[in-house]
C-alpha atoms as a PDB file:
ATOM      1  CA  MET A   1      -5.099  -7.375  -5.980  1.00  0.00           C
ATOM      2  CA  ASP A   2      -2.042  -7.309  -4.266  1.00  0.00           C
ATOM      3  CA  ILE A   3      -3.164  -5.655  -1.210  1.00  0.00           C
ATOM      4  CA  GLU A   4      -6.246  -7.761  -1.003  1.00  0.00           C
ATOM      5  CA  GLY A   5      -3.640 -10.578  -1.457  1.00  0.00           C
ATOM      6  CA  ALA A   6      -1.413  -9.122   1.319  1.00  0.00           C
ATOM      7  CA  CYS A   7      -4.760  -8.777   3.666  1.00  0.00           C
ATOM      8  CA  HIS A   8      -5.967 -12.134   2.945  1.00  0.00           C
ATOM      9  CA  HIS A   9      -2.394 -13.706   4.143  1.00  0.00           C
ATOM     10  CA  GLY A  10      -2.080 -12.027   7.091  1.00  0.00           C
ATOM     11  CA  MET A  11       0.594  -9.523   5.567  1.00  0.00           C
ATOM     12  CA  ARG A  12       1.670  -6.181   6.137  1.00  0.00           C
ATOM     13  CA  ASP A  13       1.027  -4.055   3.138  1.00  0.00           C
ATOM     14  CA  VAL A  14       1.761  -0.374   1.138  1.00  0.00           C
ATOM     15  CA  GLY A  15       0.155   0.977  -1.455  1.00  0.00           C
ATOM     16  CA  VAL A  16       1.935   3.583  -3.353  1.00  0.00           C
ATOM     17  CA  LEU A  17       0.344   6.286  -4.980  1.00  0.00           C
ATOM     18  CA  TRP A  18       2.595   6.436  -8.284  1.00  0.00           C
ATOM     19  CA  GLY A  19       2.054   4.303 -11.317  1.00  0.00           C
ATOM     20  CA  PHE A  20      -1.525   1.864 -11.339  1.00  0.00           C
ATOM     21  CA  GLY A  21      -4.081   2.631  -9.007  1.00  0.00           C
ATOM     22  CA  GLY A  22      -5.433   5.609  -7.114  1.00  0.00           C
ATOM     23  CA  ARG A  23      -6.088   6.557  -3.368  1.00  0.00           C
ATOM     24  CA  GLU A  24      -9.789   5.303  -3.392  1.00  0.00           C
ATOM     25  CA  GLU A  25      -8.700   2.219  -5.218  1.00  0.00           C
ATOM     26  CA  LEU A  26      -5.865   1.181  -2.608  1.00  0.00           C
ATOM     27  CA  THR A  27      -8.141   2.170   0.489  1.00  0.00           C
ATOM     28  CA  ALA A  28     -10.976   0.217  -1.114  1.00  0.00           C
ATOM     29  CA  ALA A  29      -8.939  -2.640  -1.547  1.00  0.00           C
ATOM     30  CA  GLY A  30      -7.665  -2.229   2.380  1.00  0.00           C
ATOM     31  CA  ALA A  31      -4.339  -0.985   2.357  1.00  0.00           C
ATOM     32  CA  GLY A  32      -2.882  -0.600   5.517  1.00  0.00           C
ATOM     33  CA  ALA A  33      -0.705   2.373   4.624  1.00  0.00           C
ATOM     34  CA  LEU A  34      -0.343   4.491   1.549  1.00  0.00           C
ATOM     35  CA  ALA A  35       2.818   6.134   0.158  1.00  0.00           C
ATOM     36  CA  SER A  36       3.052   9.270  -1.818  1.00  0.00           C
ATOM     37  CA  THR A  37       6.965   9.276  -2.720  1.00  0.00           C
ATOM     38  CA  PRO A  38       9.427   6.561  -2.859  1.00  0.00           C
ATOM     39  CA  ALA A  39      10.917   8.201   0.606  1.00  0.00           C
ATOM     40  CA  GLU A  40       7.521   7.912   2.245  1.00  0.00           C
ATOM     41  CA  LEU A  41       7.742   4.262   1.109  1.00  0.00           C
ATOM     42  CA  GLY A  42      11.326   4.153   2.400  1.00  0.00           C
ATOM     43  CA  ARG A  43      10.192   5.598   5.659  1.00  0.00           C
ATOM     44  CA  LEU A  44       7.044   3.055   6.157  1.00  0.00           C
ATOM     45  CA  LEU A  45       9.265   0.192   5.692  1.00  0.00           C
ATOM     46  CA  SER A  46      11.804   1.264   8.058  1.00  0.00           C
ATOM     47  CA  PRO A  47      12.069  -1.047  11.267  1.00  0.00           C
END
């Protein structure tokens, strides 16, 4: 729901591949990017 909400409101989103939800679910929801590790998430969020 978080990815869908971000897309609906025109916000940038990143799905993370640890915790709840997997690659297929996040991709189907429209995730703009996927991070496999916290370090990768940091790189994706850097300006």
